[in-house]
Amino acid sequence: MVNTTPLISLSCVGRLDLLQHLFGGIILAEAVYREIKAKPSYGYAEIDQPWIEIRPIAGELNRSFLHTQLDAGEAETIILAQDIAADVVVIDENLGYRMAQQNGLPVVRTLSLLLRAKEKGYITAIKPILEAMMTRGRWYSASVCRTLLEQAGEIELDP
């Protein structure tokens, strides 16, 4: 299960393929698909892939409750992830991430996927991808970037 922001972040640097490499295929909630398709931008054309499946949610009551706190894409991603017992859920926004955790879902963020992709040999370096994402409008704090690059072995730890 992947939410909107991770799709945009990976699409803006031409690396949506990392999701296929890491997971084989992914599932998107209908609301996520609608959010991406609302206007031609990053991810608009890229998400129409045979390895990306779009699914509706069943729980209208849950949708109403989660919509009071989250946007439609995050709410439907969490509901559908619960319904299908997703192996992993990719959500970047803090509130959505925390709500997914509170609901017992195995949740990660886009930057964690970059680290996993490097560990598996799908990419050789995270830093150029991270810099390209930030150039195209993605925002990550300096401390988050530094920690990620330290974990990836791309900068040395402070003494």
C-alpha atoms as a PDB file:
ATOM      1  CA  MET A   1       0.000   0.000   0.000  1.00  0.00           C
ATOM      2  CA  VAL A   2       1.377   3.373  -0.985  1.00  0.00           C
ATOM      3  CA  ASN A   3      -0.020   6.818  -0.273  1.00  0.00           C
ATOM      4  CA  THR A   4       0.132   9.831  -2.612  1.00  0.00           C
ATOM      5  CA  THR A   5       3.228  11.688  -1.380  1.00  0.00           C
ATOM      6  CA  PRO A   6       5.639   8.742  -1.731  1.00  0.00           C
ATOM      7  CA  LEU A   7       4.373   8.182  -5.290  1.00  0.00           C
ATOM      8  CA  ILE A   8       4.968  11.833  -6.151  1.00  0.00           C
ATOM      9  CA  SER A   9       8.382  11.854  -4.448  1.00  0.00           C
ATOM     10  CA  LEU A  10       9.626   8.825  -6.363  1.00  0.00           C
ATOM     11  CA  SER A  11       7.993   9.865  -9.649  1.00  0.00           C
ATOM     12  CA  CYS A  12       9.539  13.327  -9.587  1.00  0.00           C
ATOM     13  CA  VAL A  13      12.997  11.730  -9.817  1.00  0.00           C
ATOM     14  CA  GLY A  14      12.003   8.973 -12.221  1.00  0.00           C
ATOM     15  CA  ARG A  15      12.372   6.211  -9.613  1.00  0.00           C
ATOM     16  CA  LEU A  16       8.857   4.853  -9.193  1.00  0.00           C
ATOM     17  CA  ASP A  17      10.446   1.598 -10.369  1.00  0.00           C
ATOM     18  CA  LEU A  18      11.974   1.173  -6.911  1.00  0.00           C
ATOM     19  CA  LEU A  19       8.532   0.212  -5.602  1.00  0.00           C
ATOM     20  CA  GLN A  20       8.327  -2.566  -8.174  1.00  0.00           C
ATOM     21  CA  HIS A  21      11.859  -3.744  -7.363  1.00  0.00           C
ATOM     22  CA  LEU A  22      11.207  -3.750  -3.623  1.00  0.00           C
ATOM     23  CA  PHE A  23       7.675  -5.163  -3.593  1.00  0.00           C
ATOM     24  CA  GLY A  24       6.950  -6.715  -6.986  1.00  0.00           C
ATOM     25  CA  GLY A  25       3.664  -4.831  -7.155  1.00  0.00           C
ATOM     26  CA  ILE A  26       1.771  -2.293  -5.110  1.00  0.00           C
ATOM     27  CA  ILE A  27      -1.837  -1.491  -4.285  1.00  0.00           C
ATOM     28  CA  LEU A  28      -3.310   1.989  -4.230  1.00  0.00           C
ATOM     29  CA  ALA A  29      -6.566   3.057  -2.658  1.00  0.00           C
ATOM     30  CA  GLU A  30      -8.946   4.680  -5.148  1.00  0.00           C
ATOM     31  CA  ALA A  31      -8.578   8.038  -3.376  1.00  0.00           C
ATOM     32  CA  VAL A  32      -4.811   7.961  -3.908  1.00  0.00           C
ATOM     33  CA  TYR A  33      -5.310   7.258  -7.604  1.00  0.00           C
ATOM     34  CA  ARG A  34      -7.818  10.134  -7.839  1.00  0.00           C
ATOM     35  CA  GLU A  35      -5.414  12.507  -6.044  1.00  0.00           C
ATOM     36  CA  ILE A  36      -2.602  11.698  -8.476  1.00  0.00           C
ATOM     37  CA  LYS A  37      -4.902  11.930 -11.501  1.00  0.00           C
ATOM     38  CA  ALA A  38      -6.473  15.238 -10.386  1.00  0.00           C
ATOM     39  CA  LYS A  39      -3.911  17.166 -12.456  1.00  0.00           C
ATOM     40  CA  PRO A  40      -1.060  16.266 -14.794  1.00  0.00           C
ATOM     41  CA  SER A  41       2.063  16.375 -12.641  1.00  0.00           C
ATOM     42  CA  TYR A  42       4.547  13.950 -11.083  1.00  0.00           C
ATOM     43  CA  GLY A  43       3.093  10.459 -11.027  1.00  0.00           C
ATOM     44  CA  TYR A  44       0.174  11.273 -13.340  1.00  0.00           C
ATOM     45  CA  ALA A  45       1.295   9.012 -16.193  1.00  0.00           C
ATOM     46  CA  GLU A  46       3.701   6.842 -14.204  1.00  0.00           C
ATOM     47  CA  ILE A  47       1.056   5.192 -11.996  1.00  0.00           C
ATOM     48  CA  ASP A  48      -0.678   3.535 -14.921  1.00  0.00           C
ATOM     49  CA  GLN A  49       1.482   0.411 -14.727  1.00  0.00           C
ATOM     50  CA  PRO A  50       0.474  -3.271 -14.790  1.00  0.00           C
ATOM     51  CA  TRP A  51       2.219  -3.789 -11.422  1.00  0.00           C
ATOM     52  CA  ILE A  52       0.071  -1.104  -9.746  1.00  0.00           C
ATOM     53  CA  GLU A  53      -3.404  -2.207  -8.659  1.00  0.00           C
ATOM     54  CA  ILE A  54      -6.186   0.199  -7.688  1.00  0.00           C
ATOM     55  CA  ARG A  55      -8.704  -0.996  -5.082  1.00  0.00           C
ATOM     56  CA  PRO A  56     -11.781   0.476  -3.421  1.00  0.00           C
ATOM     57  CA  ILE A  57     -12.322   0.389   0.327  1.00  0.00           C
ATOM     58  CA  ALA A  58     -15.274  -1.313   1.978  1.00  0.00           C
ATOM     59  CA  GLY A  59     -15.533   0.497   5.334  1.00  0.00           C
ATOM     60  CA  GLU A  60     -17.641   3.626   4.919  1.00  0.00           C
ATOM     61  CA  LEU A  61     -17.874   4.127   8.688  1.00  0.00           C
ATOM     62  CA  ASN A  62     -14.096   4.009   9.030  1.00  0.00           C
ATOM     63  CA  ARG A  63     -13.717   6.393   6.096  1.00  0.00           C
ATOM     64  CA  SER A  64     -15.950   8.980   7.761  1.00  0.00           C
ATOM     65  CA  PHE A  65     -14.022   8.733  11.017  1.00  0.00           C
ATOM     66  CA  LEU A  66     -10.554   8.936   9.467  1.00  0.00           C
ATOM     67  CA  HIS A  67     -11.560  11.749   7.087  1.00  0.00           C
ATOM     68  CA  THR A  68     -12.055  13.997  10.078  1.00  0.00           C
ATOM     69  CA  GLN A  69      -8.316  13.768  10.763  1.00  0.00           C
ATOM     70  CA  LEU A  70      -6.648  12.764   7.475  1.00  0.00           C
ATOM     71  CA  ASP A  71      -7.015  13.523   3.794  1.00  0.00           C
ATOM     72  CA  ALA A  72      -8.892  11.025   1.627  1.00  0.00           C
ATOM     73  CA  GLY A  73      -5.776   9.293   0.313  1.00  0.00           C
ATOM     74  CA  GLU A  74      -4.262   8.682   3.727  1.00  0.00           C
ATOM     75  CA  ALA A  75      -7.585   7.598   5.234  1.00  0.00           C
ATOM     76  CA  GLU A  76      -8.328   5.117   2.443  1.00  0.00           C
ATOM     77  CA  THR A  77      -4.736   3.843   2.431  1.00  0.00           C
ATOM     78  CA  ILE A  78      -4.969   3.000   6.139  1.00  0.00           C
ATOM     79  CA  ILE A  79      -8.436   1.444   5.841  1.00  0.00           C
ATOM     80  CA  LEU A  80      -7.512  -0.666   2.822  1.00  0.00           C
ATOM     81  CA  ALA A  81      -4.198  -1.695   4.392  1.00  0.00           C
ATOM     82  CA  GLN A  82      -6.134  -2.997   7.385  1.00  0.00           C
ATOM     83  CA  ASP A  83      -8.717  -4.725   5.192  1.00  0.00           C
ATOM     84  CA  ILE A  84      -6.101  -6.623   3.180  1.00  0.00           C
ATOM     85  CA  ALA A  85      -3.530  -7.035   5.983  1.00  0.00           C
ATOM     86  CA  ALA A  86      -0.884  -5.215   3.915  1.00  0.00           C
ATOM     87  CA  ASP A  87       2.722  -6.323   4.281  1.00  0.00           C
ATOM     88  CA  VAL A  88       3.882  -2.707   4.303  1.00  0.00           C
ATOM     89  CA  VAL A  89       2.286   0.739   4.117  1.00  0.00           C
ATOM     90  CA  VAL A  90       4.223   3.718   2.752  1.00  0.00           C
ATOM     91  CA  ILE A  91       3.068   7.056   4.187  1.00  0.00           C
ATOM     92  CA  ASP A  92       5.218  10.157   4.641  1.00  0.00           C
ATOM     93  CA  GLU A  93       2.927  12.631   6.417  1.00  0.00           C
ATOM     94  CA  ASN A  94       3.444  12.578  10.180  1.00  0.00           C
ATOM     95  CA  LEU A  95      -0.203  12.257  11.258  1.00  0.00           C
ATOM     96  CA  GLY A  96      -0.964   9.532   8.711  1.00  0.00           C
ATOM     97  CA  TYR A  97       2.222   7.697   9.682  1.00  0.00           C
ATOM     98  CA  ARG A  98       1.312   7.812  13.384  1.00  0.00           C
ATOM     99  CA  MET A  99      -2.286   6.721  12.738  1.00  0.00           C
ATOM    100  CA  ALA A 100      -1.053   3.783  10.656  1.00  0.00           C
ATOM    101  CA  GLN A 101       1.290   2.810  13.510  1.00  0.00           C
ATOM    102  CA  GLN A 102      -1.502   3.140  16.074  1.00  0.00           C
ATOM    103  CA  ASN A 103      -3.592   0.791  13.941  1.00  0.00           C
ATOM    104  CA  GLY A 104      -0.814  -1.803  14.044  1.00  0.00           C
ATOM    105  CA  LEU A 105       0.228  -1.430  10.414  1.00  0.00           C
ATOM    106  CA  PRO A 106       3.826  -1.995   9.255  1.00  0.00           C
ATOM    107  CA  VAL A 107       4.441   1.569   8.061  1.00  0.00           C
ATOM    108  CA  VAL A 108       7.550   3.114   6.476  1.00  0.00           C
ATOM    109  CA  ARG A 109       8.411   6.392   4.786  1.00  0.00           C
ATOM    110  CA  THR A 110       9.871   7.101   1.343  1.00  0.00           C
ATOM    111  CA  LEU A 111      13.357   7.741   2.697  1.00  0.00           C
ATOM    112  CA  SER A 112      13.339   4.331   4.395  1.00  0.00           C
ATOM    113  CA  LEU A 113      12.582   2.824   0.991  1.00  0.00           C
ATOM    114  CA  LEU A 114      15.636   4.558  -0.469  1.00  0.00           C
ATOM    115  CA  LEU A 115      17.781   3.037   2.261  1.00  0.00           C
ATOM    116  CA  ARG A 116      16.283  -0.398   1.618  1.00  0.00           C
ATOM    117  CA  ALA A 117      16.809   0.021  -2.147  1.00  0.00           C
ATOM    118  CA  LYS A 118      20.477   0.836  -1.579  1.00  0.00           C
ATOM    119  CA  GLU A 119      20.934  -2.119   0.769  1.00  0.00           C
ATOM    120  CA  LYS A 120      19.440  -4.415  -1.892  1.00  0.00           C
ATOM    121  CA  GLY A 121      21.593  -2.941  -4.667  1.00  0.00           C
ATOM    122  CA  TYR A 122      18.812  -1.280  -6.681  1.00  0.00           C
ATOM    123  CA  ILE A 123      20.564   2.077  -6.311  1.00  0.00           C
ATOM    124  CA  THR A 124      24.196   2.869  -5.604  1.00  0.00           C
ATOM    125  CA  ALA A 125      23.691   6.161  -3.766  1.00  0.00           C
ATOM    126  CA  ILE A 126      20.860   7.919  -1.960  1.00  0.00           C
ATOM    127  CA  LYS A 127      22.279  11.440  -1.888  1.00  0.00           C
ATOM    128  CA  PRO A 128      21.719  12.314  -5.590  1.00  0.00           C
ATOM    129  CA  ILE A 129      18.140  11.007  -5.434  1.00  0.00           C
ATOM    130  CA  LEU A 130      17.468  12.901  -2.207  1.00  0.00           C
ATOM    131  CA  GLU A 131      18.910  16.114  -3.656  1.00  0.00           C
ATOM    132  CA  ALA A 132      16.850  15.715  -6.850  1.00  0.00           C
ATOM    133  CA  MET A 133      13.661  15.163  -4.831  1.00  0.00           C
ATOM    134  CA  MET A 134      14.345  18.314  -2.825  1.00  0.00           C
ATOM    135  CA  THR A 135      15.084  20.304  -5.988  1.00  0.00           C
ATOM    136  CA  ARG A 136      11.653  19.252  -7.272  1.00  0.00           C
ATOM    137  CA  GLY A 137       9.758  20.428  -4.207  1.00  0.00           C
ATOM    138  CA  ARG A 138      10.032  17.620  -1.663  1.00  0.00           C
ATOM    139  CA  TRP A 139      11.094  18.863   1.768  1.00  0.00           C
ATOM    140  CA  TYR A 140      13.102  17.016   4.401  1.00  0.00           C
ATOM    141  CA  SER A 141      14.795  18.570   7.430  1.00  0.00           C
ATOM    142  CA  ALA A 142      18.569  18.803   7.505  1.00  0.00           C
ATOM    143  CA  SER A 143      18.704  16.429  10.479  1.00  0.00           C
ATOM    144  CA  VAL A 144      16.564  13.808   8.708  1.00  0.00           C
ATOM    145  CA  CYS A 145      18.775  14.045   5.599  1.00  0.00           C
ATOM    146  CA  ARG A 146      21.955  13.775   7.650  1.00  0.00           C
ATOM    147  CA  THR A 147      20.678  10.750   9.603  1.00  0.00           C
ATOM    148  CA  LEU A 148      19.617   9.014   6.391  1.00  0.00           C
ATOM    149  CA  LEU A 149      22.953   9.646   4.695  1.00  0.00           C
ATOM    150  CA  GLU A 150      24.824   8.474   7.798  1.00  0.00           C
ATOM    151  CA  GLN A 151      22.774   5.259   7.833  1.00  0.00           C
ATOM    152  CA  ALA A 152      23.520   4.804   4.134  1.00  0.00           C
ATOM    153  CA  GLY A 153      27.248   5.278   4.741  1.00  0.00           C
ATOM    154  CA  GLU A 154      27.330   8.299   2.476  1.00  0.00           C
ATOM    155  CA  ILE A 155      28.611  10.745   5.118  1.00  0.00           C
ATOM    156  CA  GLU A 156      30.696  10.119   8.176  1.00  0.00           C
ATOM    157  CA  LEU A 157      29.330  10.367  11.686  1.00  0.00           C
ATOM    158  CA  ASP A 158      30.422  13.389  13.709  1.00  0.00           C
ATOM    159  CA  PRO A 159      33.197  12.510  16.188  1.00  0.00           C
END
